[in-house]
């Protein structure tokens, strides 16, 4: 058993020693300043743990994103999130989120989650998240209106027949909150989008 453990440790150390060359530590890609990033412009631009690497300062997602993996040709995969506190439109039954875009271009929308932070009142009898085309693309109608109520938006993974309502997000867009029943007189919802986004290889 001891010999087996020593052999396993030796193999693990040997594998770790190969990681920098296998994943391109010495690649000549420039830009960014984060020393824990692949793309930092230095000679030691990578950690052995590639599962959660902070985003480059020069990367395409400037806030609330992490670089998950990077290939030797410069392609990157990011996990990102964006949040907004949205006051419901008191003049209509729909509310559209604003800047920054809650649905980033070229992304896969993993989830759109929401929590009521100010109780919804008025003619509104329920709320759901969509994109202006499909009212319940992300969440179905939630008839609980009091502060603290939450919804996890994964409807997009079950939209088999309607391509535009699925998880893929080709162009940037925003979330439309639809109030069933009518116009609210008060209400506020905190929304968070989780998504994946990739970049093309460097030339």
C-alpha atoms as a PDB file:
ATOM      1  CA  UNK A   1       0.000   0.000   0.000  1.00  0.00           C
ATOM      2  CA  UNK A   2       2.835   2.399   0.875  1.00  0.00           C
ATOM      3  CA  UNK A   3       4.556   1.680  -2.447  1.00  0.00           C
ATOM      4  CA  UNK A   4       1.270   2.293  -4.271  1.00  0.00           C
ATOM      5  CA  UNK A   5       0.813   5.662  -2.525  1.00  0.00           C
ATOM      6  CA  UNK A   6       4.374   6.683  -3.351  1.00  0.00           C
ATOM      7  CA  UNK A   7       3.834   5.735  -6.988  1.00  0.00           C
ATOM      8  CA  UNK A   8       0.566   7.696  -7.122  1.00  0.00           C
ATOM      9  CA  UNK A   9       2.254  10.767  -5.618  1.00  0.00           C
ATOM     10  CA  UNK A  10       5.114  10.505  -8.109  1.00  0.00           C
ATOM     11  CA  UNK A  11       2.705  10.320 -11.043  1.00  0.00           C
ATOM     12  CA  UNK A  12       0.744  13.315  -9.727  1.00  0.00           C
ATOM     13  CA  UNK A  13       3.883  15.435  -9.326  1.00  0.00           C
ATOM     14  CA  UNK A  14       5.020  14.466 -12.805  1.00  0.00           C
ATOM     15  CA  UNK A  15       1.639  15.481 -14.242  1.00  0.00           C
ATOM     16  CA  UNK A  16       1.732  18.839 -12.458  1.00  0.00           C
ATOM     17  CA  UNK A  17       5.216  19.475 -13.809  1.00  0.00           C
ATOM     18  CA  UNK A  18       3.818  19.123 -17.329  1.00  0.00           C
ATOM     19  CA  UNK A  19       0.896  21.514 -16.858  1.00  0.00           C
ATOM     20  CA  UNK A  20       2.669  24.823 -17.695  1.00  0.00           C
ATOM     21  CA  UNK A  21       4.012  23.526 -21.034  1.00  0.00           C
ATOM     22  CA  UNK A  22       0.787  21.726 -21.857  1.00  0.00           C
ATOM     23  CA  UNK A  23      -1.341  24.815 -21.351  1.00  0.00           C
ATOM     24  CA  UNK A  24       1.052  27.398 -22.748  1.00  0.00           C
ATOM     25  CA  UNK A  25       2.701  29.209 -19.842  1.00  0.00           C
ATOM     26  CA  UNK A  26       5.448  30.441 -22.141  1.00  0.00           C
ATOM     27  CA  UNK A  27       3.130  31.544 -24.950  1.00  0.00           C
ATOM     28  CA  UNK A  28       3.787  35.027 -26.275  1.00  0.00           C
ATOM     29  CA  UNK A  29       0.273  36.434 -25.967  1.00  0.00           C
ATOM     30  CA  UNK A  30       0.256  39.985 -24.676  1.00  0.00           C
ATOM     31  CA  UNK A  31      -2.227  42.196 -22.849  1.00  0.00           C
ATOM     32  CA  UNK A  32      -3.687  42.343 -19.380  1.00  0.00           C
ATOM     33  CA  UNK A  33      -1.922  42.737 -16.059  1.00  0.00           C
ATOM     34  CA  UNK A  34      -3.333  39.984 -13.867  1.00  0.00           C
ATOM     35  CA  UNK A  35      -0.431  37.663 -12.834  1.00  0.00           C
ATOM     36  CA  UNK A  36      -2.914  34.818 -12.305  1.00  0.00           C
ATOM     37  CA  UNK A  37      -4.058  35.073 -15.901  1.00  0.00           C
ATOM     38  CA  UNK A  38      -2.790  33.335 -19.016  1.00  0.00           C
ATOM     39  CA  UNK A  39      -2.702  36.669 -20.811  1.00  0.00           C
ATOM     40  CA  UNK A  40      -0.633  38.909 -18.523  1.00  0.00           C
ATOM     41  CA  UNK A  41       2.229  39.855 -20.837  1.00  0.00           C
ATOM     42  CA  UNK A  42       4.909  38.330 -18.593  1.00  0.00           C
ATOM     43  CA  UNK A  43       6.943  35.155 -18.371  1.00  0.00           C
ATOM     44  CA  UNK A  44       5.047  33.522 -15.508  1.00  0.00           C
ATOM     45  CA  UNK A  45       1.457  34.145 -16.486  1.00  0.00           C
ATOM     46  CA  UNK A  46      -0.376  31.110 -15.239  1.00  0.00           C
ATOM     47  CA  UNK A  47      -1.220  29.188 -12.102  1.00  0.00           C
ATOM     48  CA  UNK A  48      -1.397  25.405 -11.976  1.00  0.00           C
ATOM     49  CA  UNK A  49      -5.057  25.589 -10.991  1.00  0.00           C
ATOM     50  CA  UNK A  50      -6.897  26.458 -14.198  1.00  0.00           C
ATOM     51  CA  UNK A  51     -10.380  25.826 -12.835  1.00  0.00           C
ATOM     52  CA  UNK A  52     -11.000  29.395 -11.639  1.00  0.00           C
ATOM     53  CA  UNK A  53      -8.755  32.091 -13.082  1.00  0.00           C
ATOM     54  CA  UNK A  54      -9.632  35.794 -12.661  1.00  0.00           C
ATOM     55  CA  UNK A  55     -10.506  37.734 -15.772  1.00  0.00           C
ATOM     56  CA  UNK A  56      -7.800  39.754 -17.535  1.00  0.00           C
ATOM     57  CA  UNK A  57      -8.145  43.507 -17.117  1.00  0.00           C
ATOM     58  CA  UNK A  58      -8.110  43.703 -20.914  1.00  0.00           C
ATOM     59  CA  UNK A  59     -10.645  40.915 -21.412  1.00  0.00           C
ATOM     60  CA  UNK A  60     -14.069  41.213 -23.032  1.00  0.00           C
ATOM     61  CA  UNK A  61     -15.985  40.896 -19.752  1.00  0.00           C
ATOM     62  CA  UNK A  62     -14.812  43.613 -17.431  1.00  0.00           C
ATOM     63  CA  UNK A  63     -16.883  42.833 -14.364  1.00  0.00           C
ATOM     64  CA  UNK A  64     -18.247  39.810 -12.530  1.00  0.00           C
ATOM     65  CA  UNK A  65     -16.624  37.203 -14.740  1.00  0.00           C
ATOM     66  CA  UNK A  66     -13.939  34.538 -14.412  1.00  0.00           C
ATOM     67  CA  UNK A  67     -11.786  32.871 -17.023  1.00  0.00           C
ATOM     68  CA  UNK A  68     -12.397  29.138 -16.799  1.00  0.00           C
ATOM     69  CA  UNK A  69      -9.986  27.890 -19.444  1.00  0.00           C
ATOM     70  CA  UNK A  70      -7.712  29.208 -22.192  1.00  0.00           C
ATOM     71  CA  UNK A  71      -6.233  27.322 -25.110  1.00  0.00           C
ATOM     72  CA  UNK A  72      -2.690  27.776 -26.414  1.00  0.00           C
ATOM     73  CA  UNK A  73      -4.115  29.698 -29.396  1.00  0.00           C
ATOM     74  CA  UNK A  74      -5.755  32.313 -27.196  1.00  0.00           C
ATOM     75  CA  UNK A  75      -9.376  31.100 -27.125  1.00  0.00           C
ATOM     76  CA  UNK A  76     -11.022  31.630 -23.747  1.00  0.00           C
ATOM     77  CA  UNK A  77     -14.115  30.459 -21.960  1.00  0.00           C
ATOM     78  CA  UNK A  78     -15.649  32.724 -19.321  1.00  0.00           C
ATOM     79  CA  UNK A  79     -18.247  32.210 -16.649  1.00  0.00           C
ATOM     80  CA  UNK A  80     -20.047  35.508 -16.075  1.00  0.00           C
ATOM     81  CA  UNK A  81     -22.800  37.055 -14.049  1.00  0.00           C
ATOM     82  CA  UNK A  82     -24.599  40.384 -14.129  1.00  0.00           C
ATOM     83  CA  UNK A  83     -27.125  41.734 -11.625  1.00  0.00           C
ATOM     84  CA  UNK A  84     -29.608  44.584 -11.459  1.00  0.00           C
ATOM     85  CA  UNK A  85     -32.119  45.883  -8.949  1.00  0.00           C
ATOM     86  CA  UNK A  86     -35.127  46.693 -11.119  1.00  0.00           C
ATOM     87  CA  UNK A  87     -38.022  48.926 -10.055  1.00  0.00           C
ATOM     88  CA  UNK A  88     -41.169  47.843 -11.833  1.00  0.00           C
ATOM     89  CA  UNK A  89     -42.671  50.166 -14.421  1.00  0.00           C
ATOM     90  CA  UNK A  90     -45.721  51.782 -12.810  1.00  0.00           C
ATOM     91  CA  UNK A  91     -47.147  52.788 -16.172  1.00  0.00           C
ATOM     92  CA  UNK A  92     -47.346  49.407 -17.899  1.00  0.00           C
ATOM     93  CA  UNK A  93     -47.561  45.695 -17.249  1.00  0.00           C
ATOM     94  CA  UNK A  94     -44.019  45.135 -18.572  1.00  0.00           C
ATOM     95  CA  UNK A  95     -40.626  46.370 -17.401  1.00  0.00           C
ATOM     96  CA  UNK A  96     -37.431  46.135 -19.472  1.00  0.00           C
ATOM     97  CA  UNK A  97     -34.040  46.029 -17.754  1.00  0.00           C
ATOM     98  CA  UNK A  98     -31.435  48.602 -18.765  1.00  0.00           C
ATOM     99  CA  UNK A  99     -27.648  48.892 -19.070  1.00  0.00           C
ATOM    100  CA  UNK A 100     -25.650  46.692 -18.694  1.00  0.00           C
ATOM    101  CA  UNK A 101     -27.218  44.106 -20.946  1.00  0.00           C
ATOM    102  CA  UNK A 102     -28.649  41.285 -18.856  1.00  0.00           C
ATOM    103  CA  UNK A 103     -28.331  38.871 -21.799  1.00  0.00           C
ATOM    104  CA  UNK A 104     -24.798  39.215 -23.241  1.00  0.00           C
ATOM    105  CA  UNK A 105     -24.168  38.588 -26.935  1.00  0.00           C
ATOM    106  CA  UNK A 106     -22.739  35.243 -27.983  1.00  0.00           C
ATOM    107  CA  UNK A 107     -23.495  33.620 -24.654  1.00  0.00           C
ATOM    108  CA  UNK A 108     -25.277  30.610 -23.235  1.00  0.00           C
ATOM    109  CA  UNK A 109     -27.717  31.700 -20.551  1.00  0.00           C
ATOM    110  CA  UNK A 110     -27.409  29.275 -17.661  1.00  0.00           C
ATOM    111  CA  UNK A 111     -29.969  30.869 -15.341  1.00  0.00           C
ATOM    112  CA  UNK A 112     -31.885  34.079 -14.748  1.00  0.00           C
ATOM    113  CA  UNK A 113     -32.781  34.275 -11.070  1.00  0.00           C
ATOM    114  CA  UNK A 114     -34.855  36.878  -9.265  1.00  0.00           C
ATOM    115  CA  UNK A 115     -35.896  37.906  -5.781  1.00  0.00           C
ATOM    116  CA  UNK A 116     -38.629  40.392  -4.924  1.00  0.00           C
ATOM    117  CA  UNK A 117     -37.057  43.072  -2.723  1.00  0.00           C
ATOM    118  CA  UNK A 118     -40.099  45.384  -2.509  1.00  0.00           C
ATOM    119  CA  UNK A 119     -43.547  43.791  -2.340  1.00  0.00           C
ATOM    120  CA  UNK A 120     -45.448  44.026  -5.626  1.00  0.00           C
ATOM    121  CA  UNK A 121     -48.846  45.715  -5.351  1.00  0.00           C
ATOM    122  CA  UNK A 122     -51.609  46.931  -7.670  1.00  0.00           C
ATOM    123  CA  UNK A 123     -53.300  44.972 -10.448  1.00  0.00           C
ATOM    124  CA  UNK A 124     -50.240  42.744 -10.920  1.00  0.00           C
ATOM    125  CA  UNK A 125     -51.094  39.199  -9.837  1.00  0.00           C
ATOM    126  CA  UNK A 126     -47.852  37.486 -10.841  1.00  0.00           C
ATOM    127  CA  UNK A 127     -44.436  38.098 -12.409  1.00  0.00           C
ATOM    128  CA  UNK A 128     -42.220  36.274 -14.909  1.00  0.00           C
ATOM    129  CA  UNK A 129     -38.954  36.828 -16.797  1.00  0.00           C
ATOM    130  CA  UNK A 130     -38.637  36.750 -20.576  1.00  0.00           C
ATOM    131  CA  UNK A 131     -36.915  38.600 -23.392  1.00  0.00           C
ATOM    132  CA  UNK A 132     -39.680  40.621 -25.025  1.00  0.00           C
ATOM    133  CA  UNK A 133     -40.558  37.816 -27.429  1.00  0.00           C
ATOM    134  CA  UNK A 134     -41.159  34.905 -25.074  1.00  0.00           C
ATOM    135  CA  UNK A 135     -42.685  36.192 -21.832  1.00  0.00           C
ATOM    136  CA  UNK A 136     -41.766  33.101 -19.793  1.00  0.00           C
ATOM    137  CA  UNK A 137     -38.481  32.264 -21.506  1.00  0.00           C
ATOM    138  CA  UNK A 138     -36.660  32.115 -18.160  1.00  0.00           C
ATOM    139  CA  UNK A 139     -39.239  31.905 -15.358  1.00  0.00           C
ATOM    140  CA  UNK A 140     -42.896  30.973 -15.256  1.00  0.00           C
ATOM    141  CA  UNK A 141     -45.558  33.176 -13.681  1.00  0.00           C
ATOM    142  CA  UNK A 142     -44.892  33.527  -9.941  1.00  0.00           C
ATOM    143  CA  UNK A 143     -48.018  34.527  -8.039  1.00  0.00           C
ATOM    144  CA  UNK A 144     -46.254  35.208  -4.729  1.00  0.00           C
ATOM    145  CA  UNK A 145     -45.652  38.952  -4.630  1.00  0.00           C
ATOM    146  CA  UNK A 146     -44.218  39.651  -1.168  1.00  0.00           C
ATOM    147  CA  UNK A 147     -40.633  40.721  -0.549  1.00  0.00           C
ATOM    148  CA  UNK A 148     -38.307  37.731  -0.199  1.00  0.00           C
ATOM    149  CA  UNK A 149     -40.038  35.639  -2.877  1.00  0.00           C
ATOM    150  CA  UNK A 150     -37.582  34.200  -5.383  1.00  0.00           C
ATOM    151  CA  UNK A 151     -37.541  32.291  -8.661  1.00  0.00           C
ATOM    152  CA  UNK A 152     -34.808  30.297 -10.414  1.00  0.00           C
ATOM    153  CA  UNK A 153     -34.993  30.838 -14.167  1.00  0.00           C
ATOM    154  CA  UNK A 154     -34.112  27.725 -16.139  1.00  0.00           C
ATOM    155  CA  UNK A 155     -37.130  27.456 -18.458  1.00  0.00           C
ATOM    156  CA  UNK A 156     -34.791  28.137 -21.394  1.00  0.00           C
ATOM    157  CA  UNK A 157     -33.364  24.627 -21.063  1.00  0.00           C
ATOM    158  CA  UNK A 158     -36.789  23.094 -21.741  1.00  0.00           C
ATOM    159  CA  UNK A 159     -37.785  25.201 -24.768  1.00  0.00           C
ATOM    160  CA  UNK A 160     -37.227  22.432 -27.294  1.00  0.00           C
ATOM    161  CA  UNK A 161     -39.370  23.585 -30.215  1.00  0.00           C
ATOM    162  CA  UNK A 162     -38.725  27.353 -30.141  1.00  0.00           C
ATOM    163  CA  UNK A 163     -35.100  28.174 -30.943  1.00  0.00           C
ATOM    164  CA  UNK A 164     -35.324  31.830 -29.892  1.00  0.00           C
ATOM    165  CA  UNK A 165     -36.491  30.804 -26.422  1.00  0.00           C
ATOM    166  CA  UNK A 166     -33.645  28.394 -25.759  1.00  0.00           C
ATOM    167  CA  UNK A 167     -30.425  29.017 -23.829  1.00  0.00           C
ATOM    168  CA  UNK A 168     -28.386  30.425 -26.727  1.00  0.00           C
ATOM    169  CA  UNK A 169     -28.157  34.243 -26.895  1.00  0.00           C
ATOM    170  CA  UNK A 170     -26.725  35.335 -30.299  1.00  0.00           C
ATOM    171  CA  UNK A 171     -27.275  39.095 -29.819  1.00  0.00           C
ATOM    172  CA  UNK A 172     -27.202  41.209 -26.679  1.00  0.00           C
ATOM    173  CA  UNK A 173     -30.567  41.768 -25.073  1.00  0.00           C
ATOM    174  CA  UNK A 174     -32.399  42.651 -21.921  1.00  0.00           C
ATOM    175  CA  UNK A 175     -34.901  40.924 -19.696  1.00  0.00           C
ATOM    176  CA  UNK A 176     -38.585  41.806 -19.809  1.00  0.00           C
ATOM    177  CA  UNK A 177     -40.511  41.414 -16.572  1.00  0.00           C
ATOM    178  CA  UNK A 178     -44.183  40.781 -17.280  1.00  0.00           C
ATOM    179  CA  UNK A 179     -46.818  41.440 -14.652  1.00  0.00           C
ATOM    180  CA  UNK A 180     -49.819  39.172 -15.112  1.00  0.00           C
ATOM    181  CA  UNK A 181     -53.143  40.804 -14.416  1.00  0.00           C
ATOM    182  CA  UNK A 182     -52.177  44.401 -15.007  1.00  0.00           C
ATOM    183  CA  UNK A 183     -50.099  47.406 -13.993  1.00  0.00           C
ATOM    184  CA  UNK A 184     -48.321  47.400 -10.606  1.00  0.00           C
ATOM    185  CA  UNK A 185     -48.405  50.309  -8.176  1.00  0.00           C
ATOM    186  CA  UNK A 186     -45.149  49.306  -6.462  1.00  0.00           C
ATOM    187  CA  UNK A 187     -42.527  46.596  -6.640  1.00  0.00           C
ATOM    188  CA  UNK A 188     -38.832  45.944  -7.051  1.00  0.00           C
ATOM    189  CA  UNK A 189     -37.002  42.784  -8.136  1.00  0.00           C
ATOM    190  CA  UNK A 190     -33.306  41.920  -7.928  1.00  0.00           C
ATOM    191  CA  UNK A 191     -32.253  39.950 -11.015  1.00  0.00           C
ATOM    192  CA  UNK A 192     -29.054  37.971 -11.626  1.00  0.00           C
ATOM    193  CA  UNK A 193     -28.049  36.334 -14.900  1.00  0.00           C
ATOM    194  CA  UNK A 194     -25.466  33.542 -15.023  1.00  0.00           C
ATOM    195  CA  UNK A 195     -23.940  32.741 -18.409  1.00  0.00           C
ATOM    196  CA  UNK A 196     -21.052  31.235 -20.368  1.00  0.00           C
ATOM    197  CA  UNK A 197     -19.231  33.148 -23.106  1.00  0.00           C
ATOM    198  CA  UNK A 198     -16.257  32.252 -25.315  1.00  0.00           C
ATOM    199  CA  UNK A 199     -13.755  34.192 -27.398  1.00  0.00           C
ATOM    200  CA  UNK A 200     -12.246  33.293 -30.765  1.00  0.00           C
ATOM    201  CA  UNK A 201      -8.586  32.251 -31.212  1.00  0.00           C
ATOM    202  CA  UNK A 202      -5.953  34.936 -31.623  1.00  0.00           C
ATOM    203  CA  UNK A 203      -4.620  35.462 -35.169  1.00  0.00           C
END
